Amino acid sequence: GGLCVLSTVNNVHGVSSRMIQPLPVGLEEGQVSVLFHTTSKSRKFEELQEDHRCTLTFLNARELTCITFTGCAHRLQHEEEQQVFKNWPLFPPMSALYIEDTAPNFTAWRVEPTRIQLVSIPAALGGGKREDWAAPEVSRSPDSAEWSVVCMGGMQD
């Protein structure tokens, strides 16, 4: 799997960002979601426990394209966490990251975005000749399944 930047809110220093390796973006019950893991000993765990708001930023440097998912991360129930731990399909396997007595520190999280934004320089989506440099963006309220277009960002209607 690819890497992305996870940004969380830190009440002392503002925003904290770090690289993570999530599972590929998926659809669950018609909603976009992203799964990732962390140890309960990490700063990101502490920050997400305090404030669920976060942003995931995926970059394809070769294609000059970036997509961001902004929303909230929620920790999975214990049974779901155990399934993620056992069935993690990416390298390295969880058993290599959480050795022996560190396995109980494993936590799994689901990000459910309320805003998705796409920037693609070659496709003239965000930046380029647009005066506002706005990128295509969709959003939804946290309690709604309906997405609405916030900005077309150079895309044709």
C-alpha atoms as a PDB file:
ATOM      1  CA  GLY A   1       0.000   0.000   0.000  1.00  0.00           C
ATOM      2  CA  GLY A   2       0.930   3.603  -0.433  1.00  0.00           C
ATOM      3  CA  LEU A   3       1.807   6.164   2.173  1.00  0.00           C
ATOM      4  CA  CYS A   4      -0.096   9.293   3.102  1.00  0.00           C
ATOM      5  CA  VAL A   5       0.201  12.130   5.602  1.00  0.00           C
ATOM      6  CA  LEU A   6      -2.113  12.010   8.613  1.00  0.00           C
ATOM      7  CA  SER A   7      -2.647  15.416  10.230  1.00  0.00           C
ATOM      8  CA  THR A   8      -4.251  15.641  13.662  1.00  0.00           C
ATOM      9  CA  VAL A   9      -5.044  18.428  16.106  1.00  0.00           C
ATOM     10  CA  ASN A  10      -2.620  18.997  18.983  1.00  0.00           C
ATOM     11  CA  ASN A  11      -4.004  21.284  21.698  1.00  0.00           C
ATOM     12  CA  VAL A  12      -0.531  22.544  22.620  1.00  0.00           C
ATOM     13  CA  HIS A  13       1.320  22.860  19.294  1.00  0.00           C
ATOM     14  CA  GLY A  14      -1.507  23.133  16.752  1.00  0.00           C
ATOM     15  CA  VAL A  15      -1.430  20.580  13.933  1.00  0.00           C
ATOM     16  CA  SER A  16       0.730  17.426  14.008  1.00  0.00           C
ATOM     17  CA  SER A  17       1.499  15.527  10.803  1.00  0.00           C
ATOM     18  CA  ARG A  18       3.191  12.231  10.112  1.00  0.00           C
ATOM     19  CA  MET A  19       3.432   9.529   7.438  1.00  0.00           C
ATOM     20  CA  ILE A  20       1.218   6.454   7.791  1.00  0.00           C
ATOM     21  CA  GLN A  21       0.448   3.421   5.645  1.00  0.00           C
ATOM     22  CA  PRO A  22      -3.347   3.032   5.507  1.00  0.00           C
ATOM     23  CA  LEU A  23      -5.329   0.389   3.724  1.00  0.00           C
ATOM     24  CA  PRO A  24      -6.609   1.505   0.297  1.00  0.00           C
ATOM     25  CA  VAL A  25      -9.596   3.834   0.378  1.00  0.00           C
ATOM     26  CA  GLY A  26     -12.796   1.824   0.474  1.00  0.00           C
ATOM     27  CA  LEU A  27     -16.561   2.053   0.465  1.00  0.00           C
ATOM     28  CA  GLU A  28     -18.422   0.717   3.478  1.00  0.00           C
ATOM     29  CA  GLU A  29     -22.204   0.858   3.376  1.00  0.00           C
ATOM     30  CA  GLY A  30     -21.957   3.417   0.583  1.00  0.00           C
ATOM     31  CA  GLN A  31     -19.594   5.689   2.516  1.00  0.00           C
ATOM     32  CA  VAL A  32     -15.941   6.452   1.803  1.00  0.00           C
ATOM     33  CA  SER A  33     -13.615   5.293   4.570  1.00  0.00           C
ATOM     34  CA  VAL A  34      -9.936   4.691   5.221  1.00  0.00           C
ATOM     35  CA  LEU A  35      -8.507   2.259   7.794  1.00  0.00           C
ATOM     36  CA  PHE A  36      -5.143   2.686   9.511  1.00  0.00           C
ATOM     37  CA  HIS A  37      -3.403   1.455  12.636  1.00  0.00           C
ATOM     38  CA  THR A  38      -1.238   2.898  15.378  1.00  0.00           C
ATOM     39  CA  THR A  39       0.044   1.945  18.783  1.00  0.00           C
ATOM     40  CA  SER A  40      -1.735   3.195  21.886  1.00  0.00           C
ATOM     41  CA  LYS A  41       1.673   4.563  22.955  1.00  0.00           C
ATOM     42  CA  SER A  42       1.854   7.057  20.063  1.00  0.00           C
ATOM     43  CA  ARG A  43       1.192  10.783  19.990  1.00  0.00           C
ATOM     44  CA  LYS A  44      -1.350  10.318  17.168  1.00  0.00           C
ATOM     45  CA  PHE A  45      -3.331   7.919  19.379  1.00  0.00           C
ATOM     46  CA  GLU A  46      -3.408  10.496  22.176  1.00  0.00           C
ATOM     47  CA  GLU A  47      -4.383  13.305  19.808  1.00  0.00           C
ATOM     48  CA  LEU A  48      -7.171  11.302  18.138  1.00  0.00           C
ATOM     49  CA  GLN A  49      -8.548  10.263  21.529  1.00  0.00           C
ATOM     50  CA  GLU A  50      -8.721  13.973  22.455  1.00  0.00           C
ATOM     51  CA  ASP A  51      -9.980  15.338  19.112  1.00  0.00           C
ATOM     52  CA  HIS A  52     -11.215  13.049  16.316  1.00  0.00           C
ATOM     53  CA  ARG A  53     -10.724  15.636  13.535  1.00  0.00           C
ATOM     54  CA  CYS A  54      -8.023  14.771  11.019  1.00  0.00           C
ATOM     55  CA  THR A  55      -6.920  15.022   7.404  1.00  0.00           C
ATOM     56  CA  LEU A  56      -5.326  12.360   5.201  1.00  0.00           C
ATOM     57  CA  THR A  57      -3.292  13.633   2.250  1.00  0.00           C
ATOM     58  CA  PHE A  58      -2.305  11.273  -0.553  1.00  0.00           C
ATOM     59  CA  LEU A  59       0.255  12.461  -3.122  1.00  0.00           C
ATOM     60  CA  ASN A  60       1.142  11.028  -6.504  1.00  0.00           C
ATOM     61  CA  ALA A  61       4.262  13.078  -7.256  1.00  0.00           C
ATOM     62  CA  ARG A  62       4.788  11.569 -10.704  1.00  0.00           C
ATOM     63  CA  GLU A  63       1.271  12.627 -11.764  1.00  0.00           C
ATOM     64  CA  LEU A  64       1.413  15.962  -9.857  1.00  0.00           C
ATOM     65  CA  THR A  65      -1.860  14.955  -8.209  1.00  0.00           C
ATOM     66  CA  CYS A  66      -2.980  15.127  -4.595  1.00  0.00           C
ATOM     67  CA  ILE A  67      -6.215  14.124  -2.861  1.00  0.00           C
ATOM     68  CA  THR A  68      -7.202  15.052   0.682  1.00  0.00           C
ATOM     69  CA  PHE A  69      -9.806  13.457   2.924  1.00  0.00           C
ATOM     70  CA  THR A  70     -10.883  15.615   5.866  1.00  0.00           C
ATOM     71  CA  GLY A  71     -13.176  14.266   8.560  1.00  0.00           C
ATOM     72  CA  CYS A  72     -13.078  12.339  11.815  1.00  0.00           C
ATOM     73  CA  ALA A  73     -11.260   9.186  12.873  1.00  0.00           C
ATOM     74  CA  HIS A  74     -12.941   6.700  15.184  1.00  0.00           C
ATOM     75  CA  ARG A  75     -11.308   3.768  16.892  1.00  0.00           C
ATOM     76  CA  LEU A  76     -12.718   0.402  15.901  1.00  0.00           C
ATOM     77  CA  GLN A  77     -14.317  -1.928  18.419  1.00  0.00           C
ATOM     78  CA  HIS A  78     -11.944  -4.512  19.912  1.00  0.00           C
ATOM     79  CA  GLU A  79     -13.291  -7.375  17.778  1.00  0.00           C
ATOM     80  CA  GLU A  80     -12.871  -5.335  14.593  1.00  0.00           C
ATOM     81  CA  GLU A  81      -9.354  -4.319  15.664  1.00  0.00           C
ATOM     82  CA  GLN A  82      -8.413  -7.962  16.106  1.00  0.00           C
ATOM     83  CA  GLN A  83      -9.674  -8.761  12.588  1.00  0.00           C
ATOM     84  CA  VAL A  84      -7.637  -5.880  11.131  1.00  0.00           C
ATOM     85  CA  PHE A  85      -4.555  -7.077  13.051  1.00  0.00           C
ATOM     86  CA  LYS A  86      -4.912 -10.676  11.844  1.00  0.00           C
ATOM     87  CA  ASN A  87      -5.788  -9.819   8.235  1.00  0.00           C
ATOM     88  CA  TRP A  88      -3.587  -6.758   7.531  1.00  0.00           C
ATOM     89  CA  PRO A  89      -2.693  -7.300   3.841  1.00  0.00           C
ATOM     90  CA  LEU A  90       0.179  -4.817   3.540  1.00  0.00           C
ATOM     91  CA  PHE A  91       3.897  -5.207   4.193  1.00  0.00           C
ATOM     92  CA  PRO A  92       5.238  -5.326   6.834  1.00  0.00           C
ATOM     93  CA  PRO A  93       2.877  -7.690   8.630  1.00  0.00           C
ATOM     94  CA  MET A  94       1.533  -6.628  12.012  1.00  0.00           C
ATOM     95  CA  SER A  95       3.515  -9.410  13.710  1.00  0.00           C
ATOM     96  CA  ALA A  96       6.718  -7.633  12.608  1.00  0.00           C
ATOM     97  CA  LEU A  97       5.576  -4.257  13.959  1.00  0.00           C
ATOM     98  CA  TYR A  98       3.892  -5.386  17.175  1.00  0.00           C
ATOM     99  CA  ILE A  99       6.256  -7.949  18.657  1.00  0.00           C
ATOM    100  CA  GLU A 100       5.242 -10.120  21.615  1.00  0.00           C
ATOM    101  CA  ASP A 101       4.166  -7.883  24.512  1.00  0.00           C
ATOM    102  CA  THR A 102       3.520  -4.846  22.264  1.00  0.00           C
ATOM    103  CA  ALA A 103       0.611  -6.546  20.440  1.00  0.00           C
ATOM    104  CA  PRO A 104      -1.935  -5.312  23.049  1.00  0.00           C
ATOM    105  CA  ASN A 105      -0.953  -1.736  22.104  1.00  0.00           C
ATOM    106  CA  PHE A 106      -2.306  -2.194  18.543  1.00  0.00           C
ATOM    107  CA  THR A 107      -5.265   0.061  17.696  1.00  0.00           C
ATOM    108  CA  ALA A 108      -7.184   0.392  14.418  1.00  0.00           C
ATOM    109  CA  TRP A 109      -8.996   3.502  13.231  1.00  0.00           C
ATOM    110  CA  ARG A 110     -11.507   4.383  10.519  1.00  0.00           C
ATOM    111  CA  VAL A 111     -11.491   7.845   8.946  1.00  0.00           C
ATOM    112  CA  GLU A 112     -14.881   8.883   7.600  1.00  0.00           C
ATOM    113  CA  PRO A 113     -14.351  11.995   5.487  1.00  0.00           C
ATOM    114  CA  THR A 114     -16.796  14.871   5.333  1.00  0.00           C
ATOM    115  CA  ARG A 115     -14.736  16.712   2.698  1.00  0.00           C
ATOM    116  CA  ILE A 116     -12.719  15.410  -0.256  1.00  0.00           C
ATOM    117  CA  GLN A 117     -10.561  17.645  -2.439  1.00  0.00           C
ATOM    118  CA  LEU A 118      -8.591  16.782  -5.593  1.00  0.00           C
ATOM    119  CA  VAL A 119      -5.705  18.783  -7.036  1.00  0.00           C
ATOM    120  CA  SER A 120      -4.206  17.713 -10.366  1.00  0.00           C
ATOM    121  CA  ILE A 121      -1.882  20.131 -12.115  1.00  0.00           C
ATOM    122  CA  PRO A 122      -1.860  18.265 -15.491  1.00  0.00           C
ATOM    123  CA  ALA A 123      -5.666  18.127 -15.492  1.00  0.00           C
ATOM    124  CA  ALA A 124      -5.876  21.831 -14.515  1.00  0.00           C
ATOM    125  CA  LEU A 125      -7.805  20.921 -11.354  1.00  0.00           C
ATOM    126  CA  GLY A 126      -6.697  23.482  -8.783  1.00  0.00           C
ATOM    127  CA  GLY A 127      -4.067  26.006  -9.751  1.00  0.00           C
ATOM    128  CA  GLY A 128      -3.070  26.610 -13.338  1.00  0.00           C
ATOM    129  CA  LYS A 129      -4.852  29.476 -15.109  1.00  0.00           C
ATOM    130  CA  ARG A 130      -7.755  29.716 -12.629  1.00  0.00           C
ATOM    131  CA  GLU A 131      -7.806  33.031 -10.805  1.00  0.00           C
ATOM    132  CA  ASP A 132      -9.021  31.459  -7.555  1.00  0.00           C
ATOM    133  CA  TRP A 133      -6.814  28.336  -7.755  1.00  0.00           C
ATOM    134  CA  ALA A 134      -9.776  26.404  -6.323  1.00  0.00           C
ATOM    135  CA  ALA A 135      -9.699  22.631  -6.568  1.00  0.00           C
ATOM    136  CA  PRO A 136     -12.691  20.333  -7.072  1.00  0.00           C
ATOM    137  CA  GLU A 137     -14.259  19.612  -3.712  1.00  0.00           C
ATOM    138  CA  VAL A 138     -17.222  17.674  -2.365  1.00  0.00           C
ATOM    139  CA  SER A 139     -18.562  17.667   1.181  1.00  0.00           C
ATOM    140  CA  ARG A 140     -21.250  16.166   3.375  1.00  0.00           C
ATOM    141  CA  SER A 141     -22.450  16.797   6.900  1.00  0.00           C
ATOM    142  CA  PRO A 142     -21.304  14.150   9.416  1.00  0.00           C
ATOM    143  CA  ASP A 143     -24.877  12.912   9.881  1.00  0.00           C
ATOM    144  CA  SER A 144     -25.703  12.697   6.160  1.00  0.00           C
ATOM    145  CA  ALA A 145     -24.866  10.191   3.448  1.00  0.00           C
ATOM    146  CA  GLU A 146     -25.456  12.779   0.705  1.00  0.00           C
ATOM    147  CA  TRP A 147     -22.444  14.462  -0.896  1.00  0.00           C
ATOM    148  CA  SER A 148     -22.684  17.903  -2.470  1.00  0.00           C
ATOM    149  CA  VAL A 149     -20.300  19.731  -4.797  1.00  0.00           C
ATOM    150  CA  VAL A 150     -18.597  22.655  -3.067  1.00  0.00           C
ATOM    151  CA  CYS A 151     -16.424  23.665  -6.009  1.00  0.00           C
ATOM    152  CA  MET A 152     -16.088  22.350  -9.556  1.00  0.00           C
ATOM    153  CA  GLY A 153     -12.497  23.648  -9.658  1.00  0.00           C
ATOM    154  CA  GLY A 154     -12.127  23.709 -13.419  1.00  0.00           C
ATOM    155  CA  MET A 155     -14.159  20.555 -14.094  1.00  0.00           C
ATOM    156  CA  GLN A 156     -16.868  20.797 -16.696  1.00  0.00           C
ATOM    157  CA  ASP A 157     -20.505  20.633 -15.535  1.00  0.00           C
END
